[in-house]
Amino acid sequence: MFFDPFHGWYFWLLIPGVLLGLYAQIKLSTTYNRYIREPIASGLSGAEAAREILDRAGLANVPVQEIGGHLTDHYDPMKKALFLSSENYHERTLAAVGVAAHESGHALQHKAAYAPLKLRMAVVPITQFASWAWMSITLVGMFMNMFKFIGIGIAILTVLAIFQLITLPVELDASRRAKVQLLNSGIVQPQEGPAISRVLNAAALTYVAALVTAVMQLLRLVMIASSMRDRD
């Protein structure tokens, strides 16, 4: 029997992703909590800012709807609708408007047929299965010393890593579009630009952390599989 998921130096490959992930979450939380209390000069709420950006882009048919939860904001390309958490929907602050503009950026990507977004949409159904399946299959392979199961786990985890690799430029581009729209429309004053950038950059760091974590998990699993094969 082979069971070494946590022993040896392979385990240390997980540390960079864990530490970066913790830092990213702390950075996002502290930055968001700071700017959710700072009023925006235009006086617009997150929902109003999103509506203006969408209307200016010819997307009056895209609804802006409120959704429960904390930082549950997202654009749904299947429904062609933008959802903002209650805080960001109602608040008239730099953080609320920054988050709303970022999600509006995804709607602009959809309209422009932005290739990475289309690719991510195509991969999403696969990742919904892969996100829970890879761990179960991999653990079965480790306990039963079955290399084929480990290979399947590696293949599934590779899909997840590719998804994170695709997601990163999609999120960065949405933030870039958000900044342009906010400044060009006058929703955000030039002196408020750095604060908006801090909010968007903190959010983007979470996607960097997710990519690093996926890559390091994949590398660790490949090394475990190689060790198993050498023992056979």
C-alpha atoms as a PDB file:
ATOM      1  CA  MET A   1       0.000   0.000   0.000  1.00  0.00           C
ATOM      2  CA  PHE A   2       1.219   3.531  -0.797  1.00  0.00           C
ATOM      3  CA  PHE A   3       0.044   6.484   1.226  1.00  0.00           C
ATOM      4  CA  ASP A   4       2.218   9.565   1.261  1.00  0.00           C
ATOM      5  CA  PRO A   5      -0.019  12.567   0.566  1.00  0.00           C
ATOM      6  CA  PHE A   6       1.339  14.572   3.511  1.00  0.00           C
ATOM      7  CA  HIS A   7       4.802  13.149   4.170  1.00  0.00           C
ATOM      8  CA  GLY A   8       8.103  14.053   2.641  1.00  0.00           C
ATOM      9  CA  TRP A   9       9.045  17.244   0.855  1.00  0.00           C
ATOM     10  CA  TYR A  10       6.123  16.918  -1.591  1.00  0.00           C
ATOM     11  CA  PHE A  11       3.911  18.401   1.119  1.00  0.00           C
ATOM     12  CA  TRP A  12       5.927  21.620   1.115  1.00  0.00           C
ATOM     13  CA  LEU A  13       4.898  22.315  -2.462  1.00  0.00           C
ATOM     14  CA  LEU A  14       1.492  23.308  -1.088  1.00  0.00           C
ATOM     15  CA  ILE A  15       2.894  25.984   1.217  1.00  0.00           C
ATOM     16  CA  PRO A  16       3.415  28.797  -1.364  1.00  0.00           C
ATOM     17  CA  GLY A  17      -0.182  28.560  -2.570  1.00  0.00           C
ATOM     18  CA  VAL A  18      -1.563  28.420   0.968  1.00  0.00           C
ATOM     19  CA  LEU A  19       0.439  31.442   2.117  1.00  0.00           C
ATOM     20  CA  LEU A  20      -0.349  33.451  -1.001  1.00  0.00           C
ATOM     21  CA  GLY A  21      -4.016  32.530  -0.693  1.00  0.00           C
ATOM     22  CA  LEU A  22      -4.130  33.711   2.926  1.00  0.00           C
ATOM     23  CA  TYR A  23      -2.347  36.930   2.032  1.00  0.00           C
ATOM     24  CA  ALA A  24      -4.705  37.550  -0.895  1.00  0.00           C
ATOM     25  CA  GLN A  25      -7.796  37.080   1.275  1.00  0.00           C
ATOM     26  CA  ILE A  26      -6.442  39.365   3.995  1.00  0.00           C
ATOM     27  CA  LYS A  27      -5.454  41.970   1.401  1.00  0.00           C
ATOM     28  CA  LEU A  28      -8.887  41.861  -0.232  1.00  0.00           C
ATOM     29  CA  SER A  29     -10.705  42.038   3.082  1.00  0.00           C
ATOM     30  CA  THR A  30      -8.711  44.955   4.472  1.00  0.00           C
ATOM     31  CA  THR A  31      -8.802  46.925   1.218  1.00  0.00           C
ATOM     32  CA  TYR A  32     -12.507  46.353   0.667  1.00  0.00           C
ATOM     33  CA  ASN A  33     -13.400  47.180   4.285  1.00  0.00           C
ATOM     34  CA  ARG A  34     -11.419  50.393   4.015  1.00  0.00           C
ATOM     35  CA  TYR A  35     -13.022  51.683   0.833  1.00  0.00           C
ATOM     36  CA  ILE A  36     -16.550  50.436   1.488  1.00  0.00           C
ATOM     37  CA  ARG A  37     -16.636  53.257   4.056  1.00  0.00           C
ATOM     38  CA  GLU A  38     -15.301  55.974   1.729  1.00  0.00           C
ATOM     39  CA  PRO A  39     -18.074  57.834  -0.158  1.00  0.00           C
ATOM     40  CA  ILE A  40     -17.647  58.353  -3.879  1.00  0.00           C
ATOM     41  CA  ALA A  41     -17.774  61.948  -5.128  1.00  0.00           C
ATOM     42  CA  SER A  42     -20.344  61.188  -7.835  1.00  0.00           C
ATOM     43  CA  GLY A  43     -22.775  59.907  -5.203  1.00  0.00           C
ATOM     44  CA  LEU A  44     -23.727  56.891  -7.305  1.00  0.00           C
ATOM     45  CA  SER A  45     -24.477  53.524  -5.776  1.00  0.00           C
ATOM     46  CA  GLY A  46     -22.876  50.371  -7.134  1.00  0.00           C
ATOM     47  CA  ALA A  47     -26.105  49.510  -8.960  1.00  0.00           C
ATOM     48  CA  GLU A  48     -26.385  52.978 -10.475  1.00  0.00           C
ATOM     49  CA  ALA A  49     -22.756  52.952 -11.607  1.00  0.00           C
ATOM     50  CA  ALA A  50     -23.190  49.544 -13.222  1.00  0.00           C
ATOM     51  CA  ARG A  51     -26.373  50.690 -14.935  1.00  0.00           C
ATOM     52  CA  GLU A  52     -24.651  53.749 -16.364  1.00  0.00           C
ATOM     53  CA  ILE A  53     -21.682  51.749 -17.650  1.00  0.00           C
ATOM     54  CA  LEU A  54     -23.939  49.171 -19.269  1.00  0.00           C
ATOM     55  CA  ASP A  55     -26.209  51.784 -20.835  1.00  0.00           C
ATOM     56  CA  ARG A  56     -23.257  53.710 -22.252  1.00  0.00           C
ATOM     57  CA  ALA A  57     -22.049  50.460 -23.838  1.00  0.00           C
ATOM     58  CA  GLY A  58     -25.419  49.760 -25.449  1.00  0.00           C
ATOM     59  CA  LEU A  59     -26.304  47.037 -22.960  1.00  0.00           C
ATOM     60  CA  ALA A  60     -29.585  48.434 -21.661  1.00  0.00           C
ATOM     61  CA  ASN A  61     -31.027  44.914 -21.941  1.00  0.00           C
ATOM     62  CA  VAL A  62     -28.637  43.581 -19.285  1.00  0.00           C
ATOM     63  CA  PRO A  63     -30.379  43.810 -15.884  1.00  0.00           C
ATOM     64  CA  VAL A  64     -28.580  44.714 -12.667  1.00  0.00           C
ATOM     65  CA  GLN A  65     -30.014  42.655  -9.831  1.00  0.00           C
ATOM     66  CA  GLU A  66     -29.401  42.360  -6.103  1.00  0.00           C
ATOM     67  CA  ILE A  67     -28.198  39.068  -4.658  1.00  0.00           C
ATOM     68  CA  GLY A  68     -27.606  37.954  -1.081  1.00  0.00           C
ATOM     69  CA  GLY A  69     -24.266  37.205   0.516  1.00  0.00           C
ATOM     70  CA  HIS A  70     -20.939  38.979   0.940  1.00  0.00           C
ATOM     71  CA  LEU A  71     -18.902  39.670  -2.216  1.00  0.00           C
ATOM     72  CA  THR A  72     -21.101  37.330  -4.230  1.00  0.00           C
ATOM     73  CA  ASP A  73     -21.041  39.799  -7.124  1.00  0.00           C
ATOM     74  CA  HIS A  74     -20.841  38.261 -10.599  1.00  0.00           C
ATOM     75  CA  TYR A  75     -21.922  38.527 -14.201  1.00  0.00           C
ATOM     76  CA  ASP A  76     -23.850  35.527 -15.518  1.00  0.00           C
ATOM     77  CA  PRO A  77     -23.152  35.149 -19.262  1.00  0.00           C
ATOM     78  CA  MET A  78     -25.885  32.520 -19.628  1.00  0.00           C
ATOM     79  CA  LYS A  79     -28.586  34.769 -18.172  1.00  0.00           C
ATOM     80  CA  LYS A  80     -26.902  37.915 -19.527  1.00  0.00           C
ATOM     81  CA  ALA A  81     -27.490  39.571 -16.178  1.00  0.00           C
ATOM     82  CA  LEU A  82     -25.307  41.296 -13.597  1.00  0.00           C
ATOM     83  CA  PHE A  83     -25.714  40.400  -9.918  1.00  0.00           C
ATOM     84  CA  LEU A  84     -24.432  42.587  -7.078  1.00  0.00           C
ATOM     85  CA  SER A  85     -24.332  41.677  -3.390  1.00  0.00           C
ATOM     86  CA  SER A  86     -26.635  43.829  -1.283  1.00  0.00           C
ATOM     87  CA  GLU A  87     -23.781  45.906   0.101  1.00  0.00           C
ATOM     88  CA  ASN A  88     -22.351  46.759  -3.285  1.00  0.00           C
ATOM     89  CA  TYR A  89     -25.791  47.204  -4.832  1.00  0.00           C
ATOM     90  CA  HIS A  90     -26.848  49.922  -2.402  1.00  0.00           C
ATOM     91  CA  GLU A  91     -23.687  51.544  -1.027  1.00  0.00           C
ATOM     92  CA  ARG A  92     -22.390  54.791  -2.557  1.00  0.00           C
ATOM     93  CA  THR A  93     -18.734  54.160  -1.907  1.00  0.00           C
ATOM     94  CA  LEU A  94     -15.500  53.621  -3.807  1.00  0.00           C
ATOM     95  CA  ALA A  95     -15.443  49.884  -3.097  1.00  0.00           C
ATOM     96  CA  ALA A  96     -19.062  49.318  -4.120  1.00  0.00           C
ATOM     97  CA  VAL A  97     -18.641  51.205  -7.377  1.00  0.00           C
ATOM     98  CA  GLY A  98     -15.296  49.514  -8.097  1.00  0.00           C
ATOM     99  CA  VAL A  99     -16.745  46.021  -7.690  1.00  0.00           C
ATOM    100  CA  ALA A 100     -19.847  46.916  -9.715  1.00  0.00           C
ATOM    101  CA  ALA A 101     -17.703  48.318 -12.514  1.00  0.00           C
ATOM    102  CA  HIS A 102     -15.557  45.180 -12.561  1.00  0.00           C
ATOM    103  CA  GLU A 103     -18.601  42.967 -13.040  1.00  0.00           C
ATOM    104  CA  SER A 104     -19.839  45.348 -15.729  1.00  0.00           C
ATOM    105  CA  GLY A 105     -16.484  44.776 -17.403  1.00  0.00           C
ATOM    106  CA  HIS A 106     -17.424  41.120 -17.856  1.00  0.00           C
ATOM    107  CA  ALA A 107     -20.626  42.175 -19.614  1.00  0.00           C
ATOM    108  CA  LEU A 108     -18.538  44.360 -21.933  1.00  0.00           C
ATOM    109  CA  GLN A 109     -16.275  41.383 -22.615  1.00  0.00           C
ATOM    110  CA  HIS A 110     -19.309  39.278 -23.489  1.00  0.00           C
ATOM    111  CA  LYS A 111     -20.565  41.892 -25.921  1.00  0.00           C
ATOM    112  CA  ALA A 112     -17.120  42.127 -27.542  1.00  0.00           C
ATOM    113  CA  ALA A 113     -16.883  38.313 -27.802  1.00  0.00           C
ATOM    114  CA  TYR A 114     -13.658  38.444 -25.801  1.00  0.00           C
ATOM    115  CA  ALA A 115     -11.950  35.139 -26.623  1.00  0.00           C
ATOM    116  CA  PRO A 116     -10.662  34.210 -23.118  1.00  0.00           C
ATOM    117  CA  LEU A 117     -14.153  34.762 -21.685  1.00  0.00           C
ATOM    118  CA  LYS A 118     -15.690  32.520 -24.350  1.00  0.00           C
ATOM    119  CA  LEU A 119     -13.079  29.865 -23.572  1.00  0.00           C
ATOM    120  CA  ARG A 120     -13.774  30.079 -19.843  1.00  0.00           C
ATOM    121  CA  MET A 121     -17.509  29.743 -20.469  1.00  0.00           C
ATOM    122  CA  ALA A 122     -16.836  26.581 -22.478  1.00  0.00           C
ATOM    123  CA  VAL A 123     -14.689  25.061 -19.708  1.00  0.00           C
ATOM    124  CA  VAL A 124     -16.992  25.900 -16.769  1.00  0.00           C
ATOM    125  CA  PRO A 125     -19.248  22.783 -17.075  1.00  0.00           C
ATOM    126  CA  ILE A 126     -16.182  20.555 -16.939  1.00  0.00           C
ATOM    127  CA  THR A 127     -14.705  22.318 -13.912  1.00  0.00           C
ATOM    128  CA  GLN A 128     -17.941  21.972 -11.963  1.00  0.00           C
ATOM    129  CA  PHE A 129     -17.389  18.208 -12.038  1.00  0.00           C
ATOM    130  CA  ALA A 130     -13.613  18.341 -11.815  1.00  0.00           C
ATOM    131  CA  SER A 131     -13.468  20.542  -8.710  1.00  0.00           C
ATOM    132  CA  TRP A 132     -14.804  17.772  -6.452  1.00  0.00           C
ATOM    133  CA  ALA A 133     -13.873  14.675  -8.453  1.00  0.00           C
ATOM    134  CA  TRP A 134     -10.088  15.027  -8.593  1.00  0.00           C
ATOM    135  CA  MET A 135      -9.523  14.720  -4.845  1.00  0.00           C
ATOM    136  CA  SER A 136     -11.711  11.631  -4.446  1.00  0.00           C
ATOM    137  CA  ILE A 137     -10.162   9.836  -7.397  1.00  0.00           C
ATOM    138  CA  THR A 138      -6.635  10.739  -6.307  1.00  0.00           C
ATOM    139  CA  LEU A 139      -7.120   9.529  -2.730  1.00  0.00           C
ATOM    140  CA  VAL A 140      -8.512   6.227  -3.996  1.00  0.00           C
ATOM    141  CA  GLY A 141      -5.399   5.825  -6.129  1.00  0.00           C
ATOM    142  CA  MET A 142      -3.099   6.578  -3.179  1.00  0.00           C
ATOM    143  CA  PHE A 143      -4.821   4.214  -0.750  1.00  0.00           C
ATOM    144  CA  MET A 144      -5.106   1.403  -3.290  1.00  0.00           C
ATOM    145  CA  ASN A 145      -1.712   2.026  -4.847  1.00  0.00           C
ATOM    146  CA  MET A 146      -3.357   2.266  -8.274  1.00  0.00           C
ATOM    147  CA  PHE A 147      -1.331   4.435 -10.626  1.00  0.00           C
ATOM    148  CA  LYS A 148      -4.176   4.721 -13.151  1.00  0.00           C
ATOM    149  CA  PHE A 149      -6.358   6.518 -10.632  1.00  0.00           C
ATOM    150  CA  ILE A 150      -3.554   8.946  -9.887  1.00  0.00           C
ATOM    151  CA  GLY A 151      -3.231   9.573 -13.622  1.00  0.00           C
ATOM    152  CA  ILE A 152      -6.933  10.389 -13.860  1.00  0.00           C
ATOM    153  CA  GLY A 153      -6.570  12.747 -10.904  1.00  0.00           C
ATOM    154  CA  ILE A 154      -3.654  14.486 -12.636  1.00  0.00           C
ATOM    155  CA  ALA A 155      -5.696  14.896 -15.820  1.00  0.00           C
ATOM    156  CA  ILE A 156      -8.622  16.405 -13.908  1.00  0.00           C
ATOM    157  CA  LEU A 157      -6.376  18.706 -11.886  1.00  0.00           C
ATOM    158  CA  THR A 158      -4.716  19.830 -15.116  1.00  0.00           C
ATOM    159  CA  VAL A 159      -8.115  20.969 -16.380  1.00  0.00           C
ATOM    160  CA  LEU A 160      -8.619  22.973 -13.180  1.00  0.00           C
ATOM    161  CA  ALA A 161      -5.179  24.571 -13.522  1.00  0.00           C
ATOM    162  CA  ILE A 162      -5.929  25.510 -17.121  1.00  0.00           C
ATOM    163  CA  PHE A 163      -9.216  27.018 -15.978  1.00  0.00           C
ATOM    164  CA  GLN A 164      -7.386  29.187 -13.449  1.00  0.00           C
ATOM    165  CA  LEU A 165      -4.875  30.164 -16.136  1.00  0.00           C
ATOM    166  CA  ILE A 166      -7.724  31.274 -18.403  1.00  0.00           C
ATOM    167  CA  THR A 167      -9.544  33.032 -15.575  1.00  0.00           C
ATOM    168  CA  LEU A 168      -6.656  35.314 -14.640  1.00  0.00           C
ATOM    169  CA  PRO A 169      -6.510  37.347 -17.899  1.00  0.00           C
ATOM    170  CA  VAL A 170     -10.326  37.470 -17.974  1.00  0.00           C
ATOM    171  CA  GLU A 171     -10.410  39.066 -14.527  1.00  0.00           C
ATOM    172  CA  LEU A 172      -7.510  41.430 -15.231  1.00  0.00           C
ATOM    173  CA  ASP A 173      -9.109  42.581 -18.471  1.00  0.00           C
ATOM    174  CA  ALA A 174     -12.454  43.166 -16.737  1.00  0.00           C
ATOM    175  CA  SER A 175     -10.706  45.386 -14.197  1.00  0.00           C
ATOM    176  CA  ARG A 176      -8.934  47.272 -16.983  1.00  0.00           C
ATOM    177  CA  ARG A 177     -12.230  47.878 -18.760  1.00  0.00           C
ATOM    178  CA  ALA A 178     -13.789  48.954 -15.455  1.00  0.00           C
ATOM    179  CA  LYS A 179     -11.142  51.599 -14.805  1.00  0.00           C
ATOM    180  CA  VAL A 180     -11.484  53.010 -18.319  1.00  0.00           C
ATOM    181  CA  GLN A 181     -15.260  53.210 -18.080  1.00  0.00           C
ATOM    182  CA  LEU A 182     -15.257  54.768 -14.622  1.00  0.00           C
ATOM    183  CA  LEU A 183     -12.814  57.516 -15.569  1.00  0.00           C
ATOM    184  CA  ASN A 184     -14.176  58.216 -19.051  1.00  0.00           C
ATOM    185  CA  SER A 185     -17.746  58.478 -17.785  1.00  0.00           C
ATOM    186  CA  GLY A 186     -16.846  60.719 -14.877  1.00  0.00           C
ATOM    187  CA  ILE A 187     -18.288  58.279 -12.346  1.00  0.00           C
ATOM    188  CA  VAL A 188     -14.890  58.329 -10.675  1.00  0.00           C
ATOM    189  CA  GLN A 189     -12.800  61.480 -10.369  1.00  0.00           C
ATOM    190  CA  PRO A 190      -9.094  61.290 -11.288  1.00  0.00           C
ATOM    191  CA  GLN A 191      -8.063  61.648  -7.642  1.00  0.00           C
ATOM    192  CA  GLU A 192     -10.214  58.623  -6.799  1.00  0.00           C
ATOM    193  CA  GLY A 193      -8.530  56.448  -9.410  1.00  0.00           C
ATOM    194  CA  PRO A 194      -5.769  55.082  -7.128  1.00  0.00           C
ATOM    195  CA  ALA A 195      -8.330  53.900  -4.566  1.00  0.00           C
ATOM    196  CA  ILE A 196     -10.340  52.094  -7.243  1.00  0.00           C
ATOM    197  CA  SER A 197      -7.124  50.492  -8.503  1.00  0.00           C
ATOM    198  CA  ARG A 198      -6.306  49.221  -5.013  1.00  0.00           C
ATOM    199  CA  VAL A 199      -9.728  47.592  -4.708  1.00  0.00           C
ATOM    200  CA  LEU A 200      -9.489  45.940  -8.119  1.00  0.00           C
ATOM    201  CA  ASN A 201      -5.849  44.873  -7.645  1.00  0.00           C
ATOM    202  CA  ALA A 202      -6.653  43.267  -4.286  1.00  0.00           C
ATOM    203  CA  ALA A 203      -9.450  41.262  -5.919  1.00  0.00           C
ATOM    204  CA  ALA A 204      -7.155  40.227  -8.772  1.00  0.00           C
ATOM    205  CA  LEU A 205      -4.588  38.890  -6.299  1.00  0.00           C
ATOM    206  CA  THR A 206      -7.059  36.200  -5.216  1.00  0.00           C
ATOM    207  CA  TYR A 207      -7.062  34.832  -8.771  1.00  0.00           C
ATOM    208  CA  VAL A 208      -3.262  34.835  -8.852  1.00  0.00           C
ATOM    209  CA  ALA A 209      -3.286  32.844  -5.619  1.00  0.00           C
ATOM    210  CA  ALA A 210      -5.791  30.363  -7.040  1.00  0.00           C
ATOM    211  CA  LEU A 211      -3.572  29.795 -10.088  1.00  0.00           C
ATOM    212  CA  VAL A 212      -0.442  29.291  -7.979  1.00  0.00           C
ATOM    213  CA  THR A 213      -2.289  26.857  -5.714  1.00  0.00           C
ATOM    214  CA  ALA A 214      -3.589  24.816  -8.648  1.00  0.00           C
ATOM    215  CA  VAL A 215      -0.152  24.640 -10.288  1.00  0.00           C
ATOM    216  CA  MET A 216       1.607  23.605  -7.080  1.00  0.00           C
ATOM    217  CA  GLN A 217      -1.033  20.949  -6.354  1.00  0.00           C
ATOM    218  CA  LEU A 218      -0.581  19.608  -9.862  1.00  0.00           C
ATOM    219  CA  LEU A 219       3.212  19.544  -9.548  1.00  0.00           C
ATOM    220  CA  ARG A 220       2.978  17.750  -6.202  1.00  0.00           C
ATOM    221  CA  LEU A 221       0.596  15.138  -7.590  1.00  0.00           C
ATOM    222  CA  VAL A 222       2.828  14.515 -10.603  1.00  0.00           C
ATOM    223  CA  MET A 223       5.804  13.940  -8.288  1.00  0.00           C
ATOM    224  CA  ILE A 224       3.813  11.544  -6.087  1.00  0.00           C
ATOM    225  CA  ALA A 225       2.726   9.635  -9.197  1.00  0.00           C
ATOM    226  CA  SER A 226       6.314   9.470 -10.405  1.00  0.00           C
ATOM    227  CA  SER A 227       7.406   8.111  -7.032  1.00  0.00           C
ATOM    228  CA  MET A 228       4.674   5.463  -7.145  1.00  0.00           C
ATOM    229  CA  ARG A 229       5.705   4.407 -10.632  1.00  0.00           C
ATOM    230  CA  ASP A 230       9.346   4.096  -9.607  1.00  0.00           C
ATOM    231  CA  ARG A 231       8.367   1.791  -6.741  1.00  0.00           C
ATOM    232  CA  ASP A 232       6.395  -0.541  -9.015  1.00  0.00           C
END
